[in-house]
PDB file of N, CA and C in Angstrom:
ATOM      1  N   MET A   1       0.921  -1.201   0.149  1.00  0.00           N
ATOM      2  CA  MET A   1      -0.122  -0.293  -0.167  1.00  0.00           C
ATOM      3  C   MET A   1       0.503   1.354  -0.294  1.00  0.00           C
ATOM      4  N   GLN A   2       0.583   2.044  -0.829  1.00  0.00           N
ATOM      5  CA  GLN A   2       1.400   3.391  -1.061  1.00  0.00           C
ATOM      6  C   GLN A   2       0.819   4.375  -0.163  1.00  0.00           C
ATOM      7  N   GLY A   3       1.768   5.244   0.199  1.00  0.00           N
ATOM      8  CA  GLY A   3       0.743   6.595   1.096  1.00  0.00           C
ATOM      9  C   GLY A   3       0.940   7.675  -0.334  1.00  0.00           C
ATOM     10  N   ALA A   4      -0.350   8.743   0.070  1.00  0.00           N
ATOM     11  CA  ALA A   4      -0.925   9.489  -0.772  1.00  0.00           C
ATOM     12  C   ALA A   4       0.648  10.533  -0.762  1.00  0.00           C
ATOM     13  N   ALA A   5       0.535  11.262  -1.997  1.00  0.00           N
ATOM     14  CA  ALA A   5       1.411  11.751  -2.936  1.00  0.00           C
ATOM     15  C   ALA A   5       1.943  13.881  -2.177  1.00  0.00           C
ATOM     16  N   PRO A   6       3.142  13.761  -1.719  1.00  0.00           N
ATOM     17  CA  PRO A   6       3.037  15.033  -0.959  1.00  0.00           C
ATOM     18  C   PRO A   6       2.824  16.340  -1.559  1.00  0.00           C
ATOM     19  N   SER A   7       2.399  17.206  -1.178  1.00  0.00           N
ATOM     20  CA  SER A   7       1.776  18.335  -1.964  1.00  0.00           C
ATOM     21  C   SER A   7       2.941  19.290  -2.413  1.00  0.00           C
ATOM     22  N   SER A   8       2.619  20.321  -2.982  1.00  0.00           N
ATOM     23  CA  SER A   8       3.603  20.741  -3.571  1.00  0.00           C
ATOM     24  C   SER A   8       4.143  21.301  -2.796  1.00  0.00           C
ATOM     25  N   LEU A   9       3.451  22.298  -1.571  1.00  0.00           N
ATOM     26  CA  LEU A   9       3.629  22.868  -0.763  1.00  0.00           C
ATOM     27  C   LEU A   9       5.108  22.060   0.161  1.00  0.00           C
ATOM     28  N   GLU A  10       4.402  21.045   0.638  1.00  0.00           N
ATOM     29  CA  GLU A  10       5.497  20.289   0.823  1.00  0.00           C
ATOM     30  C   GLU A  10       6.698  19.740   0.753  1.00  0.00           C
ATOM     31  N   MET A  11       6.355  19.747  -0.487  1.00  0.00           N
ATOM     32  CA  MET A  11       7.608  19.561  -1.377  1.00  0.00           C
ATOM     33  C   MET A  11       8.776  20.735  -1.503  1.00  0.00           C
ATOM     34  N   LEU A  12       8.034  22.092  -1.421  1.00  0.00           N
ATOM     35  CA  LEU A  12       8.942  23.118  -2.020  1.00  0.00           C
ATOM     36  C   LEU A  12       9.561  23.711  -0.101  1.00  0.00           C
ATOM     37  N   LEU A  13       8.510  23.304   0.864  1.00  0.00           N
ATOM     38  CA  LEU A  13       9.459  23.503   2.420  1.00  0.00           C
ATOM     39  C   LEU A  13      10.549  23.761   2.514  1.00  0.00           C
ATOM     40  N   PRO A  14      11.291  22.473   2.344  1.00  0.00           N
ATOM     41  CA  PRO A  14      12.854  22.146   2.832  1.00  0.00           C
ATOM     42  C   PRO A  14      13.488  23.603   2.164  1.00  0.00           C
ATOM     43  N   PHE A  15      13.127  23.766   0.215  1.00  0.00           N
ATOM     44  CA  PHE A  15      13.850  24.116  -0.445  1.00  0.00           C
ATOM     45  C   PHE A  15      13.786  26.107   0.244  1.00  0.00           C
ATOM     46  N   GLY A  16      12.753  26.246   0.758  1.00  0.00           N
ATOM     47  CA  GLY A  16      12.356  27.697   1.398  1.00  0.00           C
ATOM     48  C   GLY A  16      13.226  27.879   2.217  1.00  0.00           C
ATOM     49  N   LEU A  17      13.296  27.066   3.860  1.00  0.00           N
ATOM     50  CA  LEU A  17      13.985  26.620   4.603  1.00  0.00           C
ATOM     51  C   LEU A  17      15.294  27.434   4.105  1.00  0.00           C
ATOM     52  N   MET A  18      15.988  26.577   3.987  1.00  0.00           N
ATOM     53  CA  MET A  18      17.146  26.648   3.328  1.00  0.00           C
ATOM     54  C   MET A  18      17.560  27.428   2.691  1.00  0.00           C
ATOM     55  N   PHE A  19      16.447  28.402   1.997  1.00  0.00           N
ATOM     56  CA  PHE A  19      16.886  30.118   1.410  1.00  0.00           C
ATOM     57  C   PHE A  19      16.991  30.849   2.674  1.00  0.00           C
ATOM     58  N   VAL A  20      16.646  30.500   3.322  1.00  0.00           N
ATOM     59  CA  VAL A  20      15.889  31.441   5.145  1.00  0.00           C
ATOM     60  C   VAL A  20      17.536  31.122   5.406  1.00  0.00           C
ATOM     61  N   ILE A  21      17.560  29.841   5.722  1.00  0.00           N
ATOM     62  CA  ILE A  21      19.429  29.969   6.229  1.00  0.00           C
ATOM     63  C   ILE A  21      20.316  30.967   5.234  1.00  0.00           C
ATOM     64  N   PHE A  22      20.404  30.633   4.248  1.00  0.00           N
ATOM     65  CA  PHE A  22      21.236  31.416   3.528  1.00  0.00           C
ATOM     66  C   PHE A  22      21.518  32.633   3.568  1.00  0.00           C
ATOM     67  N   TYR A  23      19.887  33.207   3.577  1.00  0.00           N
ATOM     68  CA  TYR A  23      19.890  34.324   4.042  1.00  0.00           C
ATOM     69  C   TYR A  23      20.741  34.999   5.027  1.00  0.00           C
ATOM     70  N   PHE A  24      20.459  34.464   6.354  1.00  0.00           N
ATOM     71  CA  PHE A  24      20.770  34.910   7.022  1.00  0.00           C
ATOM     72  C   PHE A  24      22.132  34.643   8.107  1.00  0.00           C
ATOM     73  N   LEU A  25      22.326  33.389   7.222  1.00  0.00           N
ATOM     74  CA  LEU A  25      24.297  33.226   7.520  1.00  0.00           C
ATOM     75  C   LEU A  25      24.905  33.894   5.888  1.00  0.00           C
ATOM     76  N   ILE A  26      24.451  33.690   5.085  1.00  0.00           N
ATOM     77  CA  ILE A  26      25.804  34.684   3.825  1.00  0.00           C
ATOM     78  C   ILE A  26      25.333  35.761   3.447  1.00  0.00           C
ATOM     79  N   ILE A  27      24.090  36.087   3.183  1.00  0.00           N
ATOM     80  CA  ILE A  27      23.815  36.923   2.481  1.00  0.00           C
ATOM     81  C   ILE A  27      23.510  38.084   3.254  1.00  0.00           C
ATOM     82  N   ARG A  28      23.081  38.099   3.962  1.00  0.00           N
ATOM     83  CA  ARG A  28      22.729  39.602   5.100  1.00  0.00           C
ATOM     84  C   ARG A  28      24.155  40.141   5.619  1.00  0.00           C
ATOM     85  N   PRO A  29      24.610  39.161   6.439  1.00  0.00           N
ATOM     86  CA  PRO A  29      25.820  39.360   6.118  1.00  0.00           C
ATOM     87  C   PRO A  29      27.108  40.364   5.148  1.00  0.00           C
ATOM     88  N   GLN A  30      27.173  39.498   4.346  1.00  0.00           N
ATOM     89  CA  GLN A  30      27.855  39.977   3.450  1.00  0.00           C
ATOM     90  C   GLN A  30      27.724  41.886   2.604  1.00  0.00           C
ATOM     91  N   GLY A  31      25.952  41.625   2.553  1.00  0.00           N
ATOM     92  CA  GLY A  31      26.098  42.904   2.176  1.00  0.00           C
ATOM     93  C   GLY A  31      25.673  44.254   3.433  1.00  0.00           C
ATOM     94  N   LYS A  32      25.919  43.597   4.706  1.00  0.00           N
ATOM     95  CA  LYS A  32      26.218  44.470   5.853  1.00  0.00           C
ATOM     96  C   LYS A  32      27.636  44.876   5.845  1.00  0.00           C
ATOM     97  N   LYS A  33      28.402  43.954   5.598  1.00  0.00           N
ATOM     98  CA  LYS A  33      29.666  44.497   5.344  1.00  0.00           C
ATOM     99  C   LYS A  33      30.256  45.068   3.626  1.00  0.00           C
ATOM    100  N   LEU A  34      29.569  44.617   3.101  1.00  0.00           N
ATOM    101  CA  LEU A  34      29.617  46.115   1.574  1.00  0.00           C
ATOM    102  C   LEU A  34      29.485  47.099   2.147  1.00  0.00           C
ATOM    103  N   LYS A  35      28.817  47.250   2.858  1.00  0.00           N
ATOM    104  CA  LYS A  35      27.443  48.574   3.269  1.00  0.00           C
ATOM    105  C   LYS A  35      28.325  49.283   3.733  1.00  0.00           C
ATOM    106  N   ASP A  36      29.355  49.094   5.479  1.00  0.00           N
ATOM    107  CA  ASP A  36      30.405  49.125   5.885  1.00  0.00           C
ATOM    108  C   ASP A  36      31.332  50.071   5.323  1.00  0.00           C
ATOM    109  N   HIS A  37      32.280  48.693   4.415  1.00  0.00           N
ATOM    110  CA  HIS A  37      33.387  49.179   3.358  1.00  0.00           C
ATOM    111  C   HIS A  37      33.204  50.391   3.123  1.00  0.00           C
ATOM    112  N   GLU A  38      32.036  50.254   1.670  1.00  0.00           N
ATOM    113  CA  GLU A  38      31.607  51.595   1.653  1.00  0.00           C
ATOM    114  C   GLU A  38      31.414  53.005   2.142  1.00  0.00           C
ATOM    115  N   LYS A  39      31.005  52.788   3.012  1.00  0.00           N
ATOM    116  CA  LYS A  39      31.006  54.114   4.124  1.00  0.00           C
ATOM    117  C   LYS A  39      32.994  54.486   4.157  1.00  0.00           C
ATOM    118  N   PHE A  40      33.411  53.760   4.607  1.00  0.00           N
ATOM    119  CA  PHE A  40      34.506  53.910   5.537  1.00  0.00           C
ATOM    120  C   PHE A  40      35.263  54.197   3.908  1.00  0.00           C
ATOM    121  N   VAL A  41      34.891  53.713   2.704  1.00  0.00           N
ATOM    122  CA  VAL A  41      36.037  54.596   1.604  1.00  0.00           C
ATOM    123  C   VAL A  41      35.115  55.930   1.137  1.00  0.00           C
ATOM    124  N   SER A  42      33.608  56.001   1.395  1.00  0.00           N
ATOM    125  CA  SER A  42      33.736  57.607   1.124  1.00  0.00           C
ATOM    126  C   SER A  42      33.841  58.670   2.598  1.00  0.00           C
ATOM    127  N   ASP A  43      34.226  57.743   3.697  1.00  0.00           N
ATOM    128  CA  ASP A  43      35.344  58.911   4.861  1.00  0.00           C
ATOM    129  C   ASP A  43      35.756  59.089   4.476  1.00  0.00           C
ATOM    130  N   LEU A  44      37.452  58.299   4.001  1.00  0.00           N
ATOM    131  CA  LEU A  44      38.728  58.555   3.707  1.00  0.00           C
ATOM    132  C   LEU A  44      38.720  59.880   3.408  1.00  0.00           C
ATOM    133  N   LYS A  45      40.384  60.110   3.920  1.00  0.00           N
ATOM    134  CA  LYS A  45      40.483  62.223   2.968  1.00  0.00           C
ATOM    135  C   LYS A  45      42.366  62.174   3.451  1.00  0.00           C
ATOM    136  N   ARG A  46      42.257  63.007   2.453  1.00  0.00           N
ATOM    137  CA  ARG A  46      43.428  63.184   2.350  1.00  0.00           C
ATOM    138  C   ARG A  46      45.038  63.499   3.382  1.00  0.00           C
ATOM    139  N   GLY A  47      45.490  62.338   4.181  1.00  0.00           N
ATOM    140  CA  GLY A  47      46.602  62.393   4.390  1.00  0.00           C
ATOM    141  C   GLY A  47      46.807  61.126   5.341  1.00  0.00           C
ATOM    142  N   ASP A  48      45.480  59.897   5.257  1.00  0.00           N
ATOM    143  CA  ASP A  48      45.085  59.226   5.939  1.00  0.00           C
ATOM    144  C   ASP A  48      45.915  57.856   5.099  1.00  0.00           C
ATOM    145  N   ALA A  49      47.022  57.064   6.747  1.00  0.00           N
ATOM    146  CA  ALA A  49      47.721  56.144   6.469  1.00  0.00           C
ATOM    147  C   ALA A  49      46.935  54.425   6.321  1.00  0.00           C
ATOM    148  N   VAL A  50      46.539  54.394   4.975  1.00  0.00           N
ATOM    149  CA  VAL A  50      46.051  52.921   4.863  1.00  0.00           C
ATOM    150  C   VAL A  50      46.606  51.983   3.946  1.00  0.00           C
ATOM    151  N   ILE A  51      45.735  51.062   4.190  1.00  0.00           N
ATOM    152  CA  ILE A  51      47.007  49.888   3.374  1.00  0.00           C
ATOM    153  C   ILE A  51      45.511  49.294   2.548  1.00  0.00           C
ATOM    154  N   THR A  52      46.488  48.620   1.335  1.00  0.00           N
ATOM    155  CA  THR A  52      45.281  47.903   0.341  1.00  0.00           C
ATOM    156  C   THR A  52      45.533  46.508   0.384  1.00  0.00           C
ATOM    157  N   ASN A  53      43.931  46.254  -0.662  1.00  0.00           N
ATOM    158  CA  ASN A  53      43.712  44.726  -0.386  1.00  0.00           C
ATOM    159  C   ASN A  53      45.084  44.183  -0.686  1.00  0.00           C
ATOM    160  N   SER A  54      46.247  45.086  -1.710  1.00  0.00           N
ATOM    161  CA  SER A  54      47.183  44.254  -1.753  1.00  0.00           C
ATOM    162  C   SER A  54      48.440  43.618  -1.200  1.00  0.00           C
ATOM    163  N   GLY A  55      48.306  44.583  -0.425  1.00  0.00           N
ATOM    164  CA  GLY A  55      49.135  44.429   1.065  1.00  0.00           C
ATOM    165  C   GLY A  55      50.164  45.926   1.070  1.00  0.00           C
ATOM    166  N   ILE A  56      49.630  46.961   0.007  1.00  0.00           N
ATOM    167  CA  ILE A  56      50.252  48.072  -0.517  1.00  0.00           C
ATOM    168  C   ILE A  56      49.977  49.227   0.923  1.00  0.00           C
ATOM    169  N   LEU A  57      50.990  49.459   1.059  1.00  0.00           N
ATOM    170  CA  LEU A  57      51.425  50.371   2.885  1.00  0.00           C
ATOM    171  C   LEU A  57      51.352  52.072   1.994  1.00  0.00           C
ATOM    172  N   GLY A  58      50.402  52.643   2.452  1.00  0.00           N
ATOM    173  CA  GLY A  58      50.828  54.095   2.137  1.00  0.00           C
ATOM    174  C   GLY A  58      49.503  55.230   2.331  1.00  0.00           C
ATOM    175  N   THR A  59      50.314  56.418   2.083  1.00  0.00           N
ATOM    176  CA  THR A  59      49.494  57.885   2.469  1.00  0.00           C
ATOM    177  C   THR A  59      49.188  58.197   1.081  1.00  0.00           C
ATOM    178  N   ILE A  60      47.440  58.479   1.655  1.00  0.00           N
ATOM    179  CA  ILE A  60      46.706  59.181   0.533  1.00  0.00           C
ATOM    180  C   ILE A  60      46.811  60.346   0.468  1.00  0.00           C
ATOM    181  N   ASP A  61      47.453  60.693  -0.858  1.00  0.00           N
ATOM    182  CA  ASP A  61      48.081  62.041  -1.866  1.00  0.00           C
ATOM    183  C   ASP A  61      46.931  62.821  -2.128  1.00  0.00           C
ATOM    184  N   GLY A  62      45.683  62.169  -3.192  1.00  0.00           N
ATOM    185  CA  GLY A  62      45.032  62.594  -3.727  1.00  0.00           C
ATOM    186  C   GLY A  62      43.970  61.782  -3.826  1.00  0.00           C
ATOM    187  N   MET A  63      43.104  62.474  -3.823  1.00  0.00           N
ATOM    188  CA  MET A  63      41.771  61.434  -4.207  1.00  0.00           C
ATOM    189  C   MET A  63      40.678  62.054  -5.524  1.00  0.00           C
ATOM    190  N   ALA A  64      40.096  61.100  -6.449  1.00  0.00           N
ATOM    191  CA  ALA A  64      38.841  61.501  -7.633  1.00  0.00           C
ATOM    192  C   ALA A  64      37.633  60.680  -6.928  1.00  0.00           C
ATOM    193  N   GLU A  65      37.149  60.909  -8.095  1.00  0.00           N
ATOM    194  CA  GLU A  65      35.265  60.115  -7.833  1.00  0.00           C
ATOM    195  C   GLU A  65      36.010  58.898  -6.970  1.00  0.00           C
ATOM    196  N   GLN A  66      36.893  58.134  -7.989  1.00  0.00           N
ATOM    197  CA  GLN A  66      37.217  56.189  -8.316  1.00  0.00           C
ATOM    198  C   GLN A  66      37.920  56.420  -8.186  1.00  0.00           C
ATOM    199  N   VAL A  67      39.348  57.466  -8.199  1.00  0.00           N
ATOM    200  CA  VAL A  67      40.998  56.874  -7.971  1.00  0.00           C
ATOM    201  C   VAL A  67      41.229  57.677  -7.196  1.00  0.00           C
ATOM    202  N   VAL A  68      42.427  56.722  -5.907  1.00  0.00           N
ATOM    203  CA  VAL A  68      42.872  57.857  -5.257  1.00  0.00           C
ATOM    204  C   VAL A  68      44.552  57.393  -4.942  1.00  0.00           C
ATOM    205  N   ASN A  69      45.327  58.675  -5.278  1.00  0.00           N
ATOM    206  CA  ASN A  69      46.641  58.854  -5.554  1.00  0.00           C
ATOM    207  C   ASN A  69      47.407  58.214  -3.853  1.00  0.00           C
ATOM    208  N   LEU A  70      48.017  57.385  -4.146  1.00  0.00           N
ATOM    209  CA  LEU A  70      48.827  57.102  -2.340  1.00  0.00           C
ATOM    210  C   LEU A  70      49.916  57.360  -3.065  1.00  0.00           C
ATOM    211  N   GLU A  71      50.321  57.810  -2.234  1.00  0.00           N
ATOM    212  CA  GLU A  71      52.153  57.985  -1.613  1.00  0.00           C
ATOM    213  C   GLU A  71      52.927  56.822  -0.579  1.00  0.00           C
ATOM    214  N   ILE A  72      53.752  56.191  -1.241  1.00  0.00           N
ATOM    215  CA  ILE A  72      54.029  54.495  -1.149  1.00  0.00           C
ATOM    216  C   ILE A  72      55.248  55.380  -0.036  1.00  0.00           C
ATOM    217  N   SER A  73      56.066  55.415  -0.814  1.00  0.00           N
ATOM    218  CA  SER A  73      57.517  56.031  -0.471  1.00  0.00           C
ATOM    219  C   SER A  73      57.983  57.539  -0.818  1.00  0.00           C
ATOM    220  N   GLY A  74      58.506  58.194  -0.335  1.00  0.00           N
ATOM    221  CA  GLY A  74      58.936  59.778  -0.653  1.00  0.00           C
ATOM    222  C   GLY A  74      59.022  59.668  -2.215  1.00  0.00           C
ATOM    223  N   GLY A  75      57.928  60.812  -2.739  1.00  0.00           N
ATOM    224  CA  GLY A  75      58.113  60.779  -4.464  1.00  0.00           C
ATOM    225  C   GLY A  75      57.547  59.995  -5.199  1.00  0.00           C
ATOM    226  N   VAL A  76      56.725  58.527  -4.794  1.00  0.00           N
ATOM    227  CA  VAL A  76      56.381  57.627  -5.207  1.00  0.00           C
ATOM    228  C   VAL A  76      55.129  57.091  -5.331  1.00  0.00           C
ATOM    229  N   LYS A  77      55.002  57.570  -5.956  1.00  0.00           N
ATOM    230  CA  LYS A  77      53.454  57.806  -5.718  1.00  0.00           C
ATOM    231  C   LYS A  77      52.581  57.213  -7.135  1.00  0.00           C
ATOM    232  N   ILE A  78      51.648  55.779  -6.340  1.00  0.00           N
ATOM    233  CA  ILE A  78      50.797  55.774  -7.801  1.00  0.00           C
ATOM    234  C   ILE A  78      48.727  55.233  -7.393  1.00  0.00           C
ATOM    235  N   LYS A  79      48.414  55.188  -8.736  1.00  0.00           N
ATOM    236  CA  LYS A  79      47.089  55.625  -8.661  1.00  0.00           C
ATOM    237  C   LYS A  79      46.115  53.858  -8.513  1.00  0.00           C
ATOM    238  N   ILE A  80      45.460  54.360  -7.620  1.00  0.00           N
ATOM    239  CA  ILE A  80      44.512  53.096  -7.331  1.00  0.00           C
ATOM    240  C   ILE A  80      43.037  52.990  -7.283  1.00  0.00           C
ATOM    241  N   LEU A  81      42.286  52.504  -7.743  1.00  0.00           N
ATOM    242  CA  LEU A  81      40.731  52.527  -6.972  1.00  0.00           C
ATOM    243  C   LEU A  81      40.270  52.827  -5.527  1.00  0.00           C
ATOM    244  N   LYS A  82      39.914  53.219  -5.223  1.00  0.00           N
ATOM    245  CA  LYS A  82      38.817  53.671  -3.918  1.00  0.00           C
ATOM    246  C   LYS A  82      38.605  52.650  -3.231  1.00  0.00           C
ATOM    247  N   LYS A  83      37.652  51.344  -4.125  1.00  0.00           N
ATOM    248  CA  LYS A  83      37.436  50.222  -3.504  1.00  0.00           C
ATOM    249  C   LYS A  83      38.723  49.279  -3.527  1.00  0.00           C
ATOM    250  N   GLN A  84      39.743  49.408  -4.048  1.00  0.00           N
ATOM    251  CA  GLN A  84      40.557  48.561  -3.380  1.00  0.00           C
ATOM    252  C   GLN A  84      41.964  48.715  -2.270  1.00  0.00           C
ATOM    253  N   ILE A  85      41.101  49.761  -1.534  1.00  0.00           N
ATOM    254  CA  ILE A  85      41.900  50.509   0.230  1.00  0.00           C
ATOM    255  C   ILE A  85      41.179  48.973   1.227  1.00  0.00           C
ATOM    256  N   ALA A  86      41.560  48.676   1.401  1.00  0.00           N
ATOM    257  CA  ALA A  86      41.302  47.556   2.994  1.00  0.00           C
ATOM    258  C   ALA A  86      40.695  48.820   3.933  1.00  0.00           C
ATOM    259  N   GLY A  87      41.627  49.200   4.342  1.00  0.00           N
ATOM    260  CA  GLY A  87      41.502  49.842   5.594  1.00  0.00           C
ATOM    261  C   GLY A  87      42.495  51.004   6.296  1.00  0.00           C
ATOM    262  N   LEU A  88      42.397  51.585   7.256  1.00  0.00           N
ATOM    263  CA  LEU A  88      43.414  52.039   7.829  1.00  0.00           C
ATOM    264  C   LEU A  88      44.552  51.431   8.468  1.00  0.00           C
ATOM    265  N   GLN A  89      46.114  52.257   8.172  1.00  0.00           N
ATOM    266  CA  GLN A  89      46.980  51.158   8.633  1.00  0.00           C
ATOM    267  C   GLN A  89      46.928  50.941  10.221  1.00  0.00           C
ATOM    268  N   SER A  90      46.408  51.654  10.784  1.00  0.00           N
ATOM    269  CA  SER A  90      46.722  51.750  12.108  1.00  0.00           C
ATOM    270  C   SER A  90      45.991  50.726  12.400  1.00  0.00           C
ATOM    271  N   ALA A  91      44.930  50.640  11.911  1.00  0.00           N
ATOM    272  CA  ALA A  91      43.855  49.190  12.563  1.00  0.00           C
ATOM    273  C   ALA A  91      44.280  47.502  12.527  1.00  0.00           C
ATOM    274  N   MET A  92      44.763  48.125  11.006  1.00  0.00           N
ATOM    275  CA  MET A  92      44.809  46.780  10.246  1.00  0.00           C
ATOM    276  C   MET A  92      45.941  46.530  11.066  1.00  0.00           C
ATOM    277  N   LEU A  93      46.753  46.991  10.789  1.00  0.00           N
ATOM    278  CA  LEU A  93      48.669  46.088  11.778  1.00  0.00           C
ATOM    279  C   LEU A  93      48.006  45.933  13.498  1.00  0.00           C
ATOM    280  N   LYS A  94      47.472  46.860  14.103  1.00  0.00           N
ATOM    281  CA  LYS A  94      47.000  45.981  15.302  1.00  0.00           C
ATOM    282  C   LYS A  94      46.360  44.888  15.297  1.00  0.00           C
ATOM    283  N   THR A  95      45.162  44.750  14.294  1.00  0.00           N
ATOM    284  CA  THR A  95      44.664  43.701  14.720  1.00  0.00           C
ATOM    285  C   THR A  95      45.820  41.895  14.196  1.00  0.00           C
ATOM    286  N   ALA A  96      46.623  42.884  13.539  1.00  0.00           N
ATOM    287  CA  ALA A  96      47.422  41.875  13.435  1.00  0.00           C
ATOM    288  C   ALA A  96      48.483  41.286  14.216  1.00  0.00           C
ATOM    289  N   SER A  97      48.963  42.509  14.611  1.00  0.00           N
ATOM    290  CA  SER A  97      49.567  41.916  15.504  1.00  0.00           C
ATOM    291  C   SER A  97      48.943  41.076  17.181  1.00  0.00           C
ATOM    292  N   GLU A  98      47.882  41.180  17.025  1.00  0.00           N
ATOM    293  CA  GLU A  98      46.517  40.529  18.482  1.00  0.00           C
ATOM    294  C   GLU A  98      46.849  39.329  17.547  1.00  0.00           C
ATOM    295  N   ASN A  99      46.642  38.552  16.556  1.00  0.00           N
ATOM    296  CA  ASN A  99      46.304  38.085  16.085  1.00  0.00           C
ATOM    297  C   ASN A  99      47.785  36.595  16.306  1.00  0.00           C
ATOM    298  N   LYS A 100      48.569  37.707  15.827  1.00  0.00           N
ATOM    299  CA  LYS A 100      50.529  37.052  16.060  1.00  0.00           C
ATOM    300  C   LYS A 100      50.459  36.521  17.157  1.00  0.00           C
ATOM    301  N   SER A 101      50.248  37.224  18.706  1.00  0.00           N
ATOM    302  CA  SER A 101      50.039  36.918  20.043  1.00  0.00           C
ATOM    303  C   SER A 101      49.535  35.412  20.431  1.00  0.00           C
TER     304      SER A 101
END
């Protein structure tokens, strides 16, 4: 004797639960992190000591809408995208030294 076939709602319920779990564990935190980074980048100003995603340390010498002039050594300047700035040197280096201990 066979049981009744599950309804379409019963078949979709596990997928709905998985989506809710993914949303709260992955999608929502990533969106918050992106929003925080965009605010950080918009608050940057000339003279800030920053570190890039590739690990280059420098001081902001000038800024345009999407590009930053970064002085990495005495008189050596490069242009990078604002989005590629990972954080302030002081905060990043402090976190790295705490993790080393």
